[in-house]
Protein backbone atom coordinates (compact mmCIF):
# COMPACT_ATOMS: atom_id res chain seq x y z
CA MET A 1 17.77 72.38 -84.60
CA MET A 2 21.42 73.34 -85.31
CA HIS A 3 20.77 76.76 -83.78
CA PHE A 4 19.50 75.06 -80.61
CA ARG A 5 22.61 72.86 -80.40
CA ILE A 6 24.93 75.83 -80.73
CA LYS A 7 23.06 77.75 -78.01
CA PHE A 8 23.27 74.70 -75.76
CA LEU A 9 26.89 73.72 -76.44
CA LEU A 10 28.66 77.07 -76.57
CA PRO A 11 28.35 77.89 -72.85
CA PHE A 12 29.56 74.37 -72.01
CA LEU A 13 32.53 74.72 -74.35
CA LEU A 14 33.43 78.16 -73.04
CA ILE A 15 33.33 76.99 -69.42
CA THR A 16 35.42 73.93 -70.28
CA THR A 17 37.96 76.05 -72.14
CA THR A 18 38.24 78.48 -69.25
CA LEU A 19 38.78 75.78 -66.66
CA SER A 20 41.10 73.55 -68.68
CA GLN A 21 43.72 74.80 -71.14
CA CYS A 22 44.70 72.24 -73.79
CA ASN A 23 48.12 71.58 -72.36
CA GLN A 24 46.48 70.56 -69.10
CA LEU A 25 44.61 67.79 -70.83
CA ASN A 26 47.92 65.94 -71.09
CA SER A 27 47.83 64.81 -67.48
CA GLN A 28 44.26 63.46 -67.53
CA ASN A 29 45.16 59.89 -68.38
CA GLY A 30 41.91 58.36 -67.22
CA LYS A 31 39.61 60.70 -69.08
CA ASN A 32 40.78 60.34 -72.66
CA ASP A 33 37.63 58.72 -73.96
CA ASP A 34 35.49 61.53 -72.59
CA LEU A 35 37.95 64.11 -73.90
CA LEU A 36 37.82 62.62 -77.38
CA LEU A 37 34.16 63.55 -77.66
CA LEU A 38 34.85 67.00 -76.27
CA LEU A 39 37.75 67.59 -78.64
CA GLY A 40 35.72 66.38 -81.59
CA VAL A 41 32.84 68.72 -80.78
CA TYR A 42 35.25 71.51 -79.88
CA SER A 43 36.98 71.24 -83.25
CA ILE A 44 33.71 71.89 -85.06
CA PHE A 45 33.53 75.31 -83.45
CA GLY A 46 37.13 76.28 -84.20
CA ALA A 47 39.58 75.05 -81.57
CA ASN A 48 43.01 76.66 -81.76
CA CYS A 49 44.53 73.52 -83.25
CA VAL A 50 41.95 73.53 -86.03
CA THR A 51 41.65 77.17 -87.05
CA GLY A 52 44.32 78.82 -84.91
CA PRO A 53 48.10 78.68 -84.55
CA ASP A 54 48.34 75.88 -82.00
CA LEU A 55 49.60 72.37 -82.80
CA TRP A 56 48.44 68.84 -82.17
CA ALA A 57 50.91 66.56 -80.42
CA ARG A 58 50.70 62.97 -79.30
CA ASP A 59 50.49 61.87 -75.68
CA LEU A 60 52.78 58.86 -75.95
CA ARG A 61 51.32 57.30 -72.82
CA THR A 62 47.79 57.09 -74.18
CA GLN A 63 48.30 57.28 -77.96
CA SER A 64 45.85 60.15 -78.28
CA SER A 65 46.33 63.77 -79.30
CA VAL A 66 46.32 66.92 -77.23
CA CYS A 67 46.24 70.51 -78.41
CA VAL A 68 49.42 72.36 -77.43
CA PRO A 69 49.28 76.17 -77.17
CA VAL A 70 52.39 77.47 -78.94
CA GLU A 71 54.26 80.65 -79.69
CA LEU A 72 56.46 81.25 -82.72
CA VAL A 73 60.11 81.60 -81.73
CA SER A 74 61.76 81.97 -85.13
CA SER A 75 60.88 81.76 -88.80
CA GLY A 76 63.64 81.07 -91.32
CA ASN A 77 63.82 80.23 -94.99
CA PHE A 78 63.05 76.55 -94.45
CA ILE A 79 61.84 76.08 -90.88
CA GLU A 80 59.65 77.58 -88.19
CA VAL A 81 60.46 76.90 -84.53
CA TYR A 82 57.60 76.94 -82.03
CA LYS A 83 57.69 76.65 -78.27
CA GLU A 84 54.99 75.36 -75.95
CA LYS A 85 53.71 78.50 -74.21
CA SER A 86 53.96 77.05 -70.72
CA LEU A 87 57.54 75.82 -71.29
CA SER A 88 60.24 77.85 -69.57
CA THR A 89 63.81 77.42 -70.83
CA ASN A 90 67.01 79.42 -71.03
CA PHE A 91 68.17 77.45 -74.10
CA ASN A 92 68.83 79.72 -77.07
CA LEU A 93 66.13 78.49 -79.44
CA ILE A 94 66.68 81.43 -81.79
CA GLN A 95 70.29 80.41 -82.41
CA PHE A 96 69.23 76.77 -82.75
CA ALA A 97 66.66 77.79 -85.38
CA LYS A 98 69.25 79.76 -87.32
CA ASP A 99 71.74 76.89 -87.27
CA PHE A 100 69.15 74.32 -88.33
CA ASP A 101 67.91 76.59 -91.13
CA THR A 102 71.37 77.38 -92.53
CA ILE A 103 73.43 74.25 -91.72
CA THR A 104 71.44 71.14 -90.76
CA TYR A 105 68.62 71.57 -93.26
CA PRO A 106 70.85 72.15 -96.34
CA ARG A 107 73.24 69.31 -95.48
CA LEU A 108 70.53 66.72 -94.95
CA VAL A 109 68.44 67.83 -97.91
CA GLU A 110 71.55 67.55 -100.07
CA THR A 111 71.96 64.00 -98.79
CA PHE A 112 68.38 62.73 -98.67
CA GLY A 113 66.40 65.04 -100.95
CA ILE A 114 63.85 67.77 -100.28
CA PRO A 115 61.07 67.16 -97.74
CA SER A 116 57.41 66.80 -98.55
CA ASP A 117 55.24 69.93 -98.34
CA VAL A 118 51.68 68.79 -97.70
CA ASP A 119 50.54 72.20 -96.42
CA GLY A 120 52.23 74.12 -99.22
CA ASP A 121 54.11 76.61 -97.03
CA GLY A 122 57.57 75.35 -97.98
CA LYS A 123 58.67 75.02 -94.34
CA VAL A 124 59.18 72.41 -91.65
CA LYS A 125 57.73 73.14 -88.22
CA ILE A 126 59.72 72.23 -85.11
CA LEU A 127 57.75 72.16 -81.86
CA VAL A 128 59.76 72.32 -78.64
CA MET A 129 57.55 71.02 -75.85
CA ASP A 130 57.41 68.90 -72.74
CA ILE A 131 56.85 65.60 -74.54
CA LYS A 132 54.24 63.55 -72.73
CA ASP A 133 56.11 60.28 -72.30
CA GLY A 134 55.62 59.44 -68.62
CA ALA A 135 59.25 60.19 -67.88
CA THR A 136 60.26 60.72 -64.26
CA SER A 137 63.54 61.71 -62.65
CA ASN A 138 66.38 59.59 -64.08
CA SER A 139 64.02 57.49 -66.19
CA ALA A 140 64.10 56.90 -69.92
CA TYR A 141 62.56 59.74 -71.89
CA VAL A 142 61.65 60.52 -75.49
CA ALA A 143 64.09 63.11 -76.77
CA GLY A 144 62.15 63.76 -79.96
CA TYR A 145 60.01 62.17 -82.60
CA PHE A 146 58.50 62.47 -86.04
CA ASP A 147 54.83 61.53 -86.21
CA PRO A 148 53.68 60.29 -89.65
CA ILE A 149 50.07 61.17 -88.82
CA ASN A 150 50.92 64.73 -89.89
CA TYR A 151 51.47 63.53 -93.45
CA PHE A 152 47.73 62.90 -93.80
CA PRO A 153 44.67 65.19 -93.64
CA ASP A 154 43.13 65.62 -90.20
CA ASN A 155 40.11 63.62 -89.11
CA PHE A 156 38.49 64.94 -85.92
CA LEU A 157 36.79 61.59 -85.32
CA GLN A 158 40.15 59.89 -84.72
CA ARG A 159 41.97 59.85 -81.38
CA VAL A 160 45.22 60.86 -83.08
CA ARG A 161 44.95 64.23 -84.82
CA SER A 162 46.94 65.63 -87.72
CA ASN A 163 48.39 69.09 -88.28
CA PHE A 164 48.64 68.18 -91.99
CA ALA A 165 52.07 69.76 -92.07
CA GLU A 166 55.71 68.73 -91.73
CA VAL A 167 56.33 68.73 -87.96
CA LEU A 168 59.18 67.59 -85.72
CA TYR A 169 58.75 67.31 -81.95
CA LEU A 170 61.69 67.95 -79.60
CA ASP A 171 61.70 67.66 -75.82
CA GLY A 172 62.15 70.97 -74.02
CA ARG A 173 62.95 69.55 -70.59
CA GLU A 174 65.10 66.43 -70.26
CA LEU A 175 66.68 66.86 -73.71
CA ILE A 176 67.62 70.48 -73.10
CA ALA A 177 68.96 69.50 -69.67
CA ALA A 178 71.14 66.91 -71.45
CA ASN A 179 72.96 69.78 -73.19
CA SER A 180 74.87 70.34 -69.95
CA LYS A 181 76.69 67.04 -70.58
CA ASP A 182 76.56 67.02 -74.37
CA PRO A 183 76.31 70.50 -75.97
CA ASN A 184 75.06 68.88 -79.20
CA ALA A 185 72.30 66.79 -77.63
CA PHE A 186 69.40 69.01 -78.72
CA ALA A 187 70.65 69.90 -82.21
CA SER A 188 71.81 66.36 -82.90
CA THR A 189 68.38 64.97 -82.01
CA ALA A 190 66.75 67.48 -84.35
CA ALA A 191 68.93 66.21 -87.21
CA HIS A 192 68.10 62.61 -86.27
CA GLU A 193 64.36 63.27 -86.43
CA PHE A 194 64.66 65.22 -89.67
CA GLN A 195 65.89 62.08 -91.44
CA HIS A 196 62.70 60.32 -90.33
CA LEU A 197 60.62 63.17 -91.78
CA LEU A 198 62.52 63.06 -95.07
CA ARG A 199 62.30 59.26 -95.25
CA PHE A 200 58.65 58.63 -94.48
CA PRO A 201 57.09 59.84 -97.78
CA LYS A 202 59.49 57.62 -99.72
CA MET A 203 58.63 54.68 -97.50
CA TYR A 204 54.92 55.37 -97.85
CA ASP A 205 55.03 55.79 -101.63
CA SER A 206 56.91 52.51 -102.02
CA ASN A 207 54.28 50.72 -99.89
CA HIS A 208 56.86 49.06 -97.64
CA SER A 209 57.87 49.61 -94.05
CA ASP A 210 61.59 49.97 -93.51
CA GLU A 211 63.44 47.74 -91.08
CA LEU A 212 63.78 49.63 -87.83
CA TRP A 213 67.53 49.25 -87.48
CA ILE A 214 68.14 50.70 -90.96
CA ASN A 215 65.85 53.67 -90.35
CA GLU A 216 67.30 54.44 -86.92
CA GLY A 217 70.90 53.82 -87.97
CA THR A 218 70.49 56.19 -90.91
CA SER A 219 69.08 58.86 -88.59
CA GLU A 220 72.05 58.42 -86.26
CA VAL A 221 74.49 58.99 -89.14
CA ALA A 222 72.37 61.92 -90.33
CA SER A 223 73.35 63.67 -87.09
CA ASP A 224 77.00 63.16 -88.06
CA ILE A 225 76.40 64.50 -91.56
CA ALA A 226 74.82 67.58 -89.99
CA GLY A 227 78.07 68.15 -88.10
CA PHE A 228 77.44 66.51 -84.70
CA GLY A 229 79.66 63.46 -84.91
CA PRO A 230 81.33 61.19 -84.32
CA GLN A 231 79.03 60.47 -81.40
CA THR A 232 81.24 59.51 -78.49
CA SER A 233 78.36 58.35 -76.30
CA ARG A 234 77.14 55.90 -78.95
CA LEU A 235 80.64 54.54 -79.55
CA ASP A 236 81.25 54.03 -75.84
CA CYS A 237 77.89 52.31 -75.40
CA TYR A 238 78.75 50.05 -78.34
CA SER A 239 82.02 49.08 -76.65
CA GLY A 240 80.60 48.93 -73.13
CA VAL A 241 83.22 51.31 -71.75
CA ASN A 242 82.94 54.72 -70.07
CA ASP A 243 79.17 54.25 -69.80
CA SER A 244 77.75 52.23 -66.91
CA ARG A 245 74.36 52.04 -68.67
CA CYS A 246 75.91 49.85 -71.36
CA ASN A 247 77.86 47.22 -69.45
CA ASP A 248 78.96 44.43 -71.81
CA GLY A 249 78.44 46.67 -74.84
CA ILE A 250 76.89 45.00 -77.87
CA ASN A 251 77.96 41.57 -76.62
CA GLY A 252 75.01 39.30 -77.47
CA VAL A 253 72.82 42.20 -78.65
CA SER A 254 70.94 41.85 -81.95
CA LEU A 255 71.46 44.57 -84.52
CA LEU A 256 68.37 43.42 -86.42
CA ASP A 257 65.67 42.35 -83.96
CA TRP A 258 64.63 45.26 -81.72
CA ASN A 259 62.44 43.37 -79.31
CA ASN A 260 64.18 43.75 -75.97
CA ASN A 261 63.50 46.87 -73.90
CA ALA A 262 66.70 46.53 -71.89
CA GLU A 263 68.85 46.61 -75.04
CA VAL A 264 67.36 49.62 -76.85
CA LEU A 265 70.23 51.98 -76.02
CA LYS A 266 72.80 49.41 -77.15
CA GLN A 267 70.83 48.75 -80.34
CA TYR A 268 70.85 52.44 -81.25
CA SER A 269 74.62 52.32 -80.76
CA PHE A 270 74.97 49.15 -82.84
CA ALA A 271 72.82 50.57 -85.64
CA TYR A 272 74.82 53.81 -85.59
CA VAL A 273 78.19 52.07 -85.80
CA PHE A 274 77.14 49.63 -88.53
CA MET A 275 75.51 52.31 -90.70
CA ARG A 276 78.42 54.70 -90.14
CA TYR A 277 80.82 51.95 -91.23
CA LEU A 278 78.73 51.21 -94.33
CA TYR A 279 78.41 54.93 -95.13
CA ASP A 280 82.15 55.55 -94.89
CA ILE A 281 83.26 52.53 -96.92
CA SER A 282 80.65 53.08 -99.66
CA GLY A 283 82.76 55.76 -101.36
CA THR A 284 86.03 57.63 -101.24
CA THR A 285 84.51 61.14 -101.32
CA ASP A 286 81.71 62.82 -99.38
CA SER A 287 79.75 63.16 -102.61
CA GLU A 288 79.94 59.41 -103.28
CA ARG A 289 78.92 58.58 -99.71
CA GLN A 290 76.01 61.00 -99.79
CA GLN A 291 74.82 59.52 -103.07
CA PHE A 292 74.86 56.05 -101.50
CA PHE A 293 72.79 57.27 -98.56
CA ARG A 294 70.37 59.06 -100.85
CA ASN A 295 69.88 55.86 -102.83
CA THR A 296 69.07 53.94 -99.64
CA VAL A 297 66.28 56.38 -98.80
CA VAL A 298 64.99 57.53 -102.20
CA GLY A 299 65.77 54.36 -104.09
CA THR A 300 67.77 53.47 -107.13
CA GLY A 301 66.49 51.34 -109.98
CA GLY A 302 63.26 50.81 -108.06
CA THR A 303 65.02 49.50 -104.92
CA ARG A 304 65.03 51.20 -101.51
CA ALA A 305 66.81 50.04 -98.37
CA ASN A 306 63.63 48.88 -96.67
CA SER A 307 65.24 45.55 -95.81
CA THR A 308 68.71 44.32 -94.97
CA GLY A 309 68.92 42.53 -98.31
CA ASN A 310 67.94 45.63 -100.28
CA LEU A 311 70.42 47.71 -98.28
CA ILE A 312 73.19 45.37 -99.40
CA SER A 313 71.89 45.44 -102.99
CA ILE A 314 72.26 49.22 -103.02
CA PHE A 315 75.69 49.00 -101.39
CA LYS A 316 76.75 46.74 -104.28
CA SER A 317 76.15 49.67 -106.65
CA SER A 318 78.27 52.07 -104.58
CA PRO A 319 81.59 53.23 -106.09
CA ASN A 320 83.81 51.53 -103.49
CA PHE A 321 82.19 48.09 -103.61
CA ASP A 322 84.63 45.33 -104.49
CA SER A 323 83.10 41.96 -105.33
CA THR A 324 86.50 40.29 -105.35
CA ARG A 325 86.78 41.00 -101.61
CA LEU A 326 83.13 40.63 -100.61
CA THR A 327 81.64 38.31 -103.29
CA SER A 328 78.39 39.19 -105.07
CA ASN A 329 75.77 37.35 -103.00
CA ASN A 330 73.82 39.59 -100.61
CA SER A 331 73.86 37.08 -97.79
CA ASP A 332 77.61 36.52 -98.03
CA ILE A 333 78.33 40.24 -98.32
CA PHE A 334 76.39 40.99 -95.15
CA PHE A 335 78.15 38.17 -93.33
CA ARG A 336 81.57 39.47 -94.35
CA LEU A 337 80.84 43.10 -93.50
CA PHE A 338 79.38 42.09 -90.14
CA THR A 339 82.47 39.98 -89.48
CA LEU A 340 84.92 42.73 -90.46
CA LEU A 341 83.24 45.33 -88.27
CA THR A 342 82.88 43.21 -85.15
CA ALA A 343 86.39 41.79 -85.51
CA GLN A 344 88.01 45.21 -85.76
CA SER A 345 85.94 46.59 -82.89
CA PHE A 346 87.28 43.73 -80.75
CA ASN A 347 90.88 44.38 -81.82
CA ILE A 348 91.07 41.22 -83.92
CA ASN A 349 93.09 41.90 -87.06
CA ASN A 350 93.77 38.33 -88.10
CA VAL A 351 90.78 37.20 -90.19
CA SER A 352 92.59 34.65 -92.33
CA SER A 353 90.59 31.78 -90.84
CA VAL A 354 86.92 32.71 -90.50
CA GLN A 355 84.33 29.96 -90.30
CA GLN A 356 80.96 30.46 -92.03
CA VAL A 357 77.90 28.21 -92.11
CA THR A 358 76.40 28.45 -95.60
CA ALA A 359 73.20 26.47 -94.97
CA ASP A 360 71.19 25.26 -91.98
CA GLY A 361 72.55 22.10 -90.43
CA GLN A 362 75.87 22.28 -92.28
CA ALA A 363 79.37 22.28 -90.89
CA PRO A 364 81.13 25.64 -91.32
CA ASN A 365 83.45 26.41 -94.20
CA THR A 366 86.67 28.39 -93.70
CA ILE A 367 87.19 31.65 -95.61
CA ASP A 368 90.05 34.18 -95.67
CA LEU A 369 88.97 37.82 -95.21
CA THR A 370 92.48 39.32 -95.09
CA ALA A 371 92.07 41.13 -98.42
CA ALA A 372 88.62 42.37 -97.43
CA LEU A 373 90.03 43.77 -94.18
CA ALA A 374 92.71 45.65 -96.10
CA LYS A 375 90.04 47.16 -98.35
CA TYR A 376 87.57 48.02 -95.61
CA PRO A 377 89.40 48.98 -92.38
CA LEU A 378 87.62 50.95 -89.67
CA PRO A 379 87.28 54.55 -90.91
CA ALA A 380 88.64 57.50 -88.94
CA SER A 381 85.12 58.26 -87.71
CA LEU A 382 85.22 55.00 -85.71
CA ASN A 383 88.78 55.30 -84.40
CA ARG A 384 87.46 55.45 -80.86
CA LEU A 385 86.63 51.74 -81.15
CA ILE A 386 90.32 51.03 -81.60
CA ILE A 387 91.14 52.97 -78.43
CA TYR A 388 88.19 51.49 -76.55
CA PRO A 389 87.36 48.11 -78.12
CA VAL A 390 84.38 46.02 -77.11
CA SER A 391 84.89 44.92 -73.53
CA PRO A 392 82.77 41.82 -72.79
CA THR A 393 82.11 40.89 -69.19
CA THR A 394 79.58 38.06 -69.57
CA ALA A 395 79.98 34.86 -71.56
CA LYS A 396 76.87 34.04 -73.63
CA SER A 397 75.44 30.55 -73.84
CA SER A 398 73.20 31.24 -76.85
CA ILE A 399 73.26 33.57 -79.83
CA LYS A 400 70.57 35.71 -81.49
CA GLN A 401 70.19 36.51 -85.16
CA GLY A 402 72.10 39.66 -85.98
CA ALA A 403 74.32 39.35 -82.89
CA ALA A 404 77.96 38.76 -82.04
CA ASN A 405 79.12 37.07 -78.86
CA PHE A 406 82.58 38.12 -77.72
CA TYR A 407 84.93 35.86 -75.77
CA THR A 408 88.18 36.70 -74.03
CA THR A 409 89.01 33.02 -74.22
CA ASN A 410 88.74 30.50 -77.05
CA THR A 411 85.41 30.60 -78.85
CA PRO A 412 82.87 27.75 -78.60
CA ALA A 413 82.70 25.47 -81.61
CA ILE A 414 79.74 25.55 -84.01
CA SER A 415 77.97 22.20 -84.10
CA ALA A 416 76.70 21.18 -87.52
CA SER A 417 73.62 19.57 -85.97
CA SER A 418 72.36 22.90 -84.59
CA SER A 419 74.01 25.35 -86.99
CA ARG A 420 72.06 28.01 -88.88
CA LYS A 421 72.91 29.84 -92.09
CA ASN A 422 75.49 32.61 -91.63
CA GLN A 423 76.54 31.61 -88.18
CA GLY A 424 80.27 32.20 -87.99
CA ARG A 425 83.32 32.04 -85.80
CA ILE A 426 86.44 34.19 -85.55
CA THR A 427 89.34 32.82 -83.61
CA GLY A 428 92.38 34.64 -82.28
CA VAL A 429 95.32 33.89 -80.05
CA THR A 430 93.53 34.60 -76.79
CA GLN A 431 90.06 35.78 -77.82
CA GLY A 432 87.41 35.33 -80.48
CA ILE A 433 83.85 35.93 -81.68
CA VAL A 434 80.85 33.76 -82.51
CA LEU A 435 78.35 35.62 -84.72
CA TRP A 436 75.10 35.05 -86.52
CA ALA A 437 75.00 37.54 -89.38
CA ASP A 438 71.65 36.76 -90.89
CA SER A 439 68.39 38.71 -91.09
CA PRO A 440 65.30 37.17 -89.46
CA GLN A 441 63.33 38.17 -92.57
CA GLY A 442 65.95 36.78 -94.91
CA LEU A 443 68.39 38.85 -96.92
CA ASN A 444 66.14 39.10 -99.99
CA ALA A 445 62.70 39.49 -98.40
CA ASN A 446 60.55 42.61 -98.66
CA LEU A 447 58.66 43.73 -95.59
CA LYS A 448 54.99 44.35 -94.95
CA PHE A 449 53.03 47.26 -96.33
CA THR A 450 53.22 50.63 -94.65
CA PRO A 451 50.54 51.10 -91.96
CA GLY A 452 47.88 53.40 -93.37
CA LYS A 453 48.70 52.64 -96.99
CA ASP A 454 46.37 49.71 -97.27
CA ASP A 455 43.77 48.41 -94.84
CA VAL A 456 45.35 49.37 -91.51
CA PRO A 457 44.51 52.94 -90.45
CA ILE A 458 47.58 54.93 -89.52
CA GLN A 459 45.41 57.06 -87.21
CA ASN A 460 45.26 54.27 -84.64
CA PRO A 461 48.80 52.90 -84.30
CA SER A 462 49.96 50.76 -81.45
CA LYS A 463 52.60 51.88 -78.99
CA PRO A 464 55.91 52.71 -80.73
CA ARG A 465 57.97 49.56 -81.09
CA SER A 466 61.27 51.18 -80.13
CA LEU A 467 59.67 52.74 -77.06
CA LYS A 468 57.53 50.11 -75.37
CA SER A 469 57.59 50.07 -71.58
CA VAL A 470 61.19 51.26 -71.46
CA ILE A 471 59.79 54.77 -71.03
CA GLN A 472 58.54 53.85 -67.57
CA GLU A 473 61.74 52.16 -66.47
CA SER A 474 64.11 54.04 -64.19
CA SER A 475 67.88 53.99 -64.45
CA PRO A 476 70.31 54.51 -61.60
CA TYR A 477 72.76 55.99 -64.07
CA GLY A 478 70.71 58.96 -65.26
CA ALA A 479 68.09 59.71 -67.87
CA ILE A 480 68.27 57.70 -71.08
CA PRO A 481 67.05 59.38 -74.28
CA ILE A 482 65.08 57.39 -76.84
CA CYS A 483 65.47 59.46 -79.98
CA GLY A 484 63.88 57.72 -82.94
CA ILE A 485 60.26 56.65 -82.60
CA GLU A 486 58.51 54.44 -85.12
CA PHE A 487 54.72 54.33 -84.97
CA THR A 488 53.50 51.06 -86.38
CA ASN A 489 50.76 48.49 -86.15
CA ASP A 490 53.13 45.66 -86.93
CA LEU A 491 53.93 43.30 -84.10
CA ALA A 492 57.53 42.95 -83.01
CA HIS A 493 58.51 39.34 -83.42
CA THR A 494 60.79 37.33 -81.18
CA TYR A 495 63.12 35.06 -83.11
CA GLU A 496 64.76 31.91 -81.84
CA SER A 497 68.02 32.03 -79.97
CA ILE A 498 70.41 29.21 -80.97
CA PRO A 499 72.37 27.48 -78.17
CA ILE A 500 76.13 27.51 -78.44
CA GLU A 501 77.82 24.19 -77.82
């Protein structure tokens, strides 16, 4: 019977293979269900992605895998760089591979620890390809991603296939084209994605998903550690200057709740600036700062920075933490750090009279953060924010959790009847800030289990939360890269927005 099936199926498979190379399957959006059966049967007889050198990649439009024919560009001590065969580029991938192998890899491994090695070859694969993200001219595009499916053994019955190897995916079209404006765009993205690869096994082993802003912010700073910072484009987007895509800057944008497609670029910038600030003030030497970052990813004393509260707990154990300036309560520490950063990035240096709501429905108390400001000024890496401070253009009538509203006039008062914990107010001579520095999950809450660890199969994730439909949206100001992609089954929640009176 098996002999009959082979005689019947082989001619069909050979004809199909001749007429349709695996990279061409990417554009057949309406035929994925039929192709799943074909790919499953094809894999039994030794498709190139199963027994050969080619690599599975995800079509981000359909959340299914395609087999990408590849060629090896360079093999170093720690990495192998592959290129999609049909991709034509004049970018020097050989030099990129050498630099990643000898500079980026050692620096980030020193900071975050050695990567997993599920296939036992001791190397990380980097595939440069035309990422299938639905991007069109001047639209948002996916610059690169790490896919956690590759951490698990392959299952040909699933729509998302695994290479069962450490793999990073980098875009060989829009991202390489971005090098004309930013020579570090490609290499910086590779460093960003490498942090995700290093982080995922720790996240999986601890059985907790990490808050998106922490994960993405850490990846942004990882690019700096690799030698590609400070990132001018992120700082300018944060401020809302020199970048027409980021008008109003982080004014009214939540650092914590990534549930608004239109604000994704600003949220990357916010996460970068906050994590860079925390990284720099955690220690007085590079070694101390790197140890702090390692602890946030690997964990210390059984605690990882999977949540905002746990991030602050780890910061409290850093060498430069001063409880006399910041107190010892996680919630208060986060409020004060959030206040110090946003105040300085708005050119407010008088923080002697900061109002803080300590419980829902309470009138604000007044605290003096002058000593804290002296201890934790903006580091040199963020000096650009002093030259180009946040430049608000729109007054906000409500405030989100994890957001700061900037005013060039006197700030609105906080009404006790509608106040929420860790709402605050900074006043100045001619300008001020209203902020809500509290986590939607609470500063001491752990998050849900990691998809795939328990009863939710990681092979069938929903659309990446930080991507959403923004991939299909066009921009009159040029292509917008979305660098860090998190595949998850968890729903993104929308939290209440509190009116300002």
